[in-house]
Amino acid sequence: MLTTIALYCAVGAVAGVLAGLLGVGGGLVIVPMLVFCFNLQGFNPETIMHLALGTSMASIIFTSVSSFMAHHRRKAVDWSIVRGVVLGILVGTYGGSIIAANLSSSFLKGFFVVFLYYVSFQMFTGKKPKPSRTLPGKIGLFCVGAVIGVVSSLVGIGGGTLSVPFMIWGNVPVHMAIGTSAAIGFPIAIAGTVGYIVNGLGTPGLPEYSLGYVYFPALVGIVAVSMFTAPLGVRLAHSLPVDRLKRVFALLLFLVGTRMLISLL
């Protein structure tokens, strides 16, 4: 068990540094690393992707709090937007976990690969939407929140890669969009974690120390270390060529996605 915890501490260390250095959501790093670790441990292939997604969601609960509080102190969270999308976020994310529970691990892995390719392209090109519109009203924000929630649940992320471009498109300043996205990540993580626990209860073949689709040894190791290494990544961001590193990381995501795709063939 100590070796297992050490392995997941290493995952948390890498995820924390990359999140702080490049501003990427932890789930993009955590999910594929968990899939690799769960395969090493010989877990049931039919539940590996579900466990990776559920555990990633649970880890975001802890990391999102410190993130959005830091942005809030800098007055970089638009709480009116959060209130506008939160119901859609909760419904969509929980609904996404129900959908995921009824999909095969192979399908979820394929969906994650497509999403990795999308993020890789976005990061490599540095393309951002033009702030050409205004944000929609209550019904529109509910619908947008629901879509962000469903996709986030299916790929185990806090939604930043979707919510930030949407808010920039809606004429929200970049720093405010990032801070608001951090706050939106918290209800995504809560609804996703509850959903993956509830919909995973009683599933045959789950490993010991798991509750539904959340595997606690991995969760403890990731959270314990990533919260300490994320500030290190932030400090490195001020001394390293981040734009160049983002392109390198985009290529890494592309390779990780391709490796996962090959494993499906």
Protein backbone atom coordinates (compact mmCIF):
# COMPACT_ATOMS: atom_id res chain seq x y z
CA MET A 1 0.00 0.00 0.00
CA LEU A 2 2.86 2.43 0.77
CA THR A 3 4.27 1.88 -2.71
CA THR A 4 0.84 2.58 -4.18
CA ILE A 5 0.46 5.81 -2.20
CA ALA A 6 3.96 6.89 -3.29
CA LEU A 7 3.00 6.28 -6.92
CA TYR A 8 -0.05 8.52 -6.61
CA CYS A 9 1.94 11.17 -4.76
CA ALA A 10 4.19 11.29 -7.84
CA VAL A 11 1.08 11.76 -10.02
CA GLY A 12 -0.04 14.61 -7.76
CA ALA A 13 3.41 16.23 -7.89
CA VAL A 14 3.46 16.27 -11.68
CA ALA A 15 -0.16 17.41 -11.96
CA GLY A 16 0.38 20.22 -9.46
CA VAL A 17 3.50 21.59 -11.15
CA LEU A 18 1.94 21.50 -14.62
CA ALA A 19 -1.29 23.10 -13.39
CA GLY A 20 0.63 25.95 -11.77
CA LEU A 21 3.12 26.34 -14.60
CA LEU A 22 0.81 26.12 -17.61
CA GLY A 23 -2.59 26.93 -16.15
CA VAL A 24 -4.09 23.67 -17.37
CA GLY A 25 -6.75 21.83 -15.44
CA GLY A 26 -5.46 18.94 -13.37
CA GLY A 27 -7.85 16.47 -14.96
CA LEU A 28 -6.10 16.63 -18.33
CA VAL A 29 -2.97 15.32 -16.61
CA ILE A 30 -4.49 13.21 -13.85
CA VAL A 31 -6.89 11.09 -15.94
CA PRO A 32 -4.33 9.56 -18.37
CA MET A 33 -1.81 9.09 -15.53
CA LEU A 34 -4.44 7.29 -13.45
CA VAL A 35 -5.35 5.07 -16.39
CA PHE A 36 -1.66 4.12 -16.66
CA CYS A 37 -1.37 3.44 -12.90
CA PHE A 38 -4.62 1.45 -12.74
CA ASN A 39 -3.42 -0.72 -15.62
CA LEU A 40 -0.16 -1.33 -13.74
CA GLN A 41 -2.17 -2.45 -10.71
CA GLY A 42 -4.20 -4.85 -12.83
CA PHE A 43 -7.61 -3.26 -12.22
CA ASN A 44 -10.66 -4.44 -14.12
CA PRO A 45 -10.34 -2.92 -17.64
CA GLU A 46 -14.09 -2.31 -17.75
CA THR A 47 -13.95 0.11 -14.80
CA ILE A 48 -10.52 1.72 -15.21
CA MET A 49 -11.72 4.78 -17.13
CA HIS A 50 -14.69 5.30 -14.81
CA LEU A 51 -12.38 5.16 -11.78
CA ALA A 52 -9.95 7.61 -13.38
CA LEU A 53 -12.72 10.10 -14.16
CA GLY A 54 -14.40 9.83 -10.75
CA THR A 55 -11.12 10.12 -8.84
CA SER A 56 -10.05 13.09 -10.96
CA MET A 57 -13.35 14.84 -10.18
CA ALA A 58 -12.88 14.23 -6.45
CA SER A 59 -9.36 15.70 -6.53
CA ILE A 60 -10.66 18.88 -8.20
CA ILE A 61 -12.88 19.57 -5.16
CA PHE A 62 -9.77 20.27 -3.10
CA THR A 63 -7.66 22.06 -5.70
CA SER A 64 -10.49 24.30 -6.95
CA VAL A 65 -11.18 25.82 -3.52
CA SER A 66 -7.71 27.31 -3.09
CA SER A 67 -7.75 28.42 -6.73
CA PHE A 68 -11.07 30.29 -6.76
CA MET A 69 -10.44 31.83 -3.32
CA ALA A 70 -7.16 33.27 -4.59
CA HIS A 71 -8.97 34.74 -7.61
CA HIS A 72 -11.79 36.03 -5.37
CA ARG A 73 -9.30 37.92 -3.19
CA ARG A 74 -8.08 39.64 -6.36
CA LYS A 75 -11.71 40.46 -7.27
CA ALA A 76 -11.39 38.34 -10.40
CA VAL A 77 -14.57 36.26 -9.99
CA ASP A 78 -17.84 37.42 -11.53
CA TRP A 79 -20.29 35.78 -9.14
CA SER A 80 -23.28 36.81 -11.26
CA ILE A 81 -22.01 34.50 -14.02
CA VAL A 82 -21.41 31.72 -11.50
CA ARG A 83 -24.98 32.07 -10.21
CA GLY A 84 -26.27 32.06 -13.78
CA VAL A 85 -24.61 28.78 -14.78
CA VAL A 86 -24.48 26.87 -11.50
CA LEU A 87 -27.86 25.10 -11.81
CA GLY A 88 -27.07 23.99 -15.36
CA ILE A 89 -23.60 22.94 -14.19
CA LEU A 90 -25.01 20.77 -11.39
CA VAL A 91 -27.67 19.16 -13.59
CA GLY A 92 -25.31 18.62 -16.53
CA THR A 93 -22.40 17.28 -14.51
CA TYR A 94 -24.51 14.84 -12.51
CA GLY A 95 -26.28 13.80 -15.69
CA GLY A 96 -22.93 13.29 -17.35
CA SER A 97 -21.91 10.87 -14.59
CA ILE A 98 -25.10 8.86 -15.21
CA ILE A 99 -24.29 8.75 -18.92
CA ALA A 100 -20.69 7.72 -18.17
CA ALA A 101 -21.81 4.91 -15.86
CA ASN A 102 -23.73 3.41 -18.77
CA LEU A 103 -20.91 3.72 -21.31
CA SER A 104 -18.05 1.30 -21.81
CA SER A 105 -14.56 2.15 -20.64
CA SER A 106 -13.42 1.99 -24.28
CA PHE A 107 -15.97 4.57 -25.41
CA LEU A 108 -15.03 6.92 -22.55
CA LYS A 109 -11.38 6.54 -23.45
CA GLY A 110 -12.13 7.37 -27.09
CA PHE A 111 -14.13 10.45 -26.06
CA PHE A 112 -11.26 11.56 -23.84
CA VAL A 113 -8.81 11.14 -26.72
CA VAL A 114 -10.92 13.40 -28.96
CA PHE A 115 -11.03 16.00 -26.20
CA LEU A 116 -7.25 15.79 -25.73
CA TYR A 117 -6.78 16.46 -29.44
CA TYR A 118 -9.07 19.50 -29.17
CA VAL A 119 -7.17 20.95 -26.20
CA SER A 120 -3.82 20.13 -27.81
CA PHE A 121 -4.77 22.06 -30.95
CA GLN A 122 -6.10 24.98 -28.89
CA MET A 123 -2.93 25.21 -26.81
CA PHE A 124 -0.52 24.76 -29.72
CA THR A 125 -2.12 27.42 -31.89
CA GLY A 126 -2.97 29.76 -29.02
CA LYS A 127 -6.28 30.54 -30.70
CA LYS A 128 -8.85 32.40 -28.62
CA PRO A 129 -12.40 33.34 -29.60
CA LYS A 130 -13.04 36.96 -30.53
CA PRO A 131 -15.05 38.86 -27.89
CA SER A 132 -17.85 39.56 -30.35
CA ARG A 133 -21.02 38.82 -28.34
CA THR A 134 -22.63 39.35 -24.96
CA LEU A 135 -23.43 36.55 -22.55
CA PRO A 136 -26.94 35.06 -22.89
CA GLY A 137 -29.74 35.42 -20.34
CA LYS A 138 -30.77 32.98 -17.60
CA ILE A 139 -32.03 30.21 -19.89
CA GLY A 140 -29.00 30.53 -22.15
CA LEU A 141 -26.59 30.38 -19.23
CA PHE A 142 -28.42 27.33 -17.85
CA CYS A 143 -28.07 25.54 -21.18
CA VAL A 144 -24.40 26.49 -21.54
CA GLY A 145 -23.75 25.35 -17.97
CA ALA A 146 -25.45 22.02 -18.67
CA VAL A 147 -23.32 21.38 -21.76
CA ILE A 148 -20.10 22.33 -19.93
CA GLY A 149 -21.15 20.07 -17.05
CA VAL A 150 -21.86 17.04 -19.24
CA VAL A 151 -18.58 17.30 -21.16
CA SER A 152 -16.57 18.00 -17.98
CA SER A 153 -18.06 14.94 -16.32
CA LEU A 154 -17.24 12.73 -19.31
CA VAL A 155 -13.57 13.81 -19.34
CA GLY A 156 -12.99 14.38 -15.60
CA ILE A 157 -12.05 18.08 -15.69
CA GLY A 158 -13.10 21.30 -13.98
CA GLY A 159 -14.43 22.79 -17.20
CA GLY A 160 -11.92 25.61 -17.71
CA THR A 161 -11.05 24.63 -21.29
CA LEU A 162 -14.72 25.18 -22.16
CA SER A 163 -15.90 27.93 -19.83
CA VAL A 164 -12.97 30.32 -20.39
CA PRO A 165 -13.37 30.50 -24.20
CA PHE A 166 -17.14 30.88 -23.77
CA MET A 167 -16.76 33.84 -21.41
CA ILE A 168 -14.09 35.49 -23.57
CA TRP A 169 -16.48 35.14 -26.54
CA GLY A 170 -19.08 36.88 -24.34
CA ASN A 171 -16.84 39.92 -23.78
CA VAL A 172 -15.67 38.93 -20.29
CA PRO A 173 -12.07 40.13 -19.69
CA VAL A 174 -9.53 37.28 -19.78
CA HIS A 175 -8.42 37.55 -16.13
CA MET A 176 -12.07 37.63 -15.01
CA ALA A 177 -12.93 34.65 -17.23
CA ILE A 178 -10.11 32.59 -15.70
CA GLY A 179 -11.08 33.49 -12.12
CA THR A 180 -14.78 32.85 -12.76
CA SER A 181 -13.94 29.53 -14.41
CA ALA A 182 -12.03 28.50 -11.27
CA ALA A 183 -15.16 29.17 -9.22
CA ILE A 184 -17.33 27.23 -11.68
CA GLY A 185 -14.96 24.27 -11.29
CA PHE A 186 -16.06 23.74 -7.68
CA PRO A 187 -19.74 22.83 -8.35
CA ILE A 188 -18.58 20.76 -11.33
CA ALA A 189 -16.30 18.78 -9.03
CA ILE A 190 -18.97 18.37 -6.32
CA ALA A 191 -21.70 17.18 -8.70
CA GLY A 192 -19.29 14.98 -10.63
CA THR A 193 -17.89 13.33 -7.51
CA VAL A 194 -21.33 12.64 -6.06
CA GLY A 195 -22.47 11.31 -9.42
CA TYR A 196 -19.52 8.98 -9.87
CA ILE A 197 -19.89 7.69 -6.30
CA VAL A 198 -23.65 7.09 -6.51
CA ASN A 199 -23.58 5.57 -10.00
CA GLY A 200 -20.60 3.37 -9.16
CA LEU A 201 -22.01 1.84 -5.99
CA GLY A 202 -22.45 -1.91 -6.27
CA THR A 203 -20.48 -2.16 -9.51
CA PRO A 204 -18.71 -5.54 -9.57
CA GLY A 205 -14.94 -5.67 -9.96
CA LEU A 206 -14.07 -2.39 -8.23
CA PRO A 207 -10.82 -2.40 -6.23
CA GLU A 208 -10.60 -2.30 -2.44
CA TYR A 209 -10.64 1.19 -0.87
CA SER A 210 -12.93 2.60 -3.53
CA LEU A 211 -16.32 4.23 -2.98
CA GLY A 212 -18.25 3.97 -6.18
CA TYR A 213 -15.90 5.19 -8.89
CA VAL A 214 -13.61 7.12 -6.53
CA TYR A 215 -10.40 5.31 -5.55
CA PHE A 216 -9.20 6.74 -2.23
CA PRO A 217 -5.48 5.80 -2.24
CA ALA A 218 -5.11 7.72 -5.51
CA LEU A 219 -7.21 10.63 -4.24
CA VAL A 220 -5.19 11.00 -1.02
CA GLY A 221 -1.84 10.84 -2.80
CA ILE A 222 -2.82 13.30 -5.54
CA VAL A 223 -4.44 15.89 -3.25
CA ALA A 224 -1.76 15.73 -0.55
CA VAL A 225 1.06 16.55 -2.97
CA SER A 226 -0.54 18.62 -5.76
CA MET A 227 -1.63 21.36 -3.34
CA PHE A 228 2.04 21.87 -2.42
CA THR A 229 3.53 21.59 -5.91
CA ALA A 230 1.04 23.90 -7.69
CA PRO A 231 2.61 27.03 -6.07
CA LEU A 232 6.01 25.78 -7.28
CA GLY A 233 4.63 25.66 -10.81
CA VAL A 234 3.34 29.22 -10.42
CA ARG A 235 6.81 30.43 -9.38
CA LEU A 236 8.41 28.60 -12.31
CA ALA A 237 5.94 30.29 -14.64
CA HIS A 238 7.60 33.62 -13.89
CA SER A 239 11.06 32.40 -14.87
CA LEU A 240 10.43 30.01 -17.77
CA PRO A 241 9.17 30.62 -21.35
CA VAL A 242 5.58 29.55 -20.68
CA ASP A 243 4.28 30.10 -24.24
CA ARG A 244 6.97 27.78 -25.60
CA LEU A 245 6.31 25.25 -22.84
CA LYS A 246 2.58 25.29 -23.65
CA ARG A 247 3.39 24.23 -27.21
CA VAL A 248 5.59 21.43 -25.90
CA PHE A 249 2.82 20.37 -23.53
CA ALA A 250 0.32 20.49 -26.40
CA LEU A 251 2.50 18.03 -28.30
CA LEU A 252 2.70 15.87 -25.18
CA LEU A 253 -1.09 15.83 -24.93
CA PHE A 254 -1.28 14.86 -28.59
CA LEU A 255 1.13 11.96 -27.99
CA VAL A 256 -0.74 10.84 -24.87
CA GLY A 257 -4.01 10.92 -26.80
CA THR A 258 -2.48 8.98 -29.67
CA ARG A 259 -1.10 6.35 -27.28
CA MET A 260 -4.55 5.95 -25.70
CA LEU A 261 -6.09 5.72 -29.17
CA ILE A 262 -3.64 2.98 -30.19
CA SER A 263 -4.52 1.03 -27.06
CA LEU A 264 -8.13 0.98 -28.26
CA LEU A 265 -7.28 -0.54 -31.65
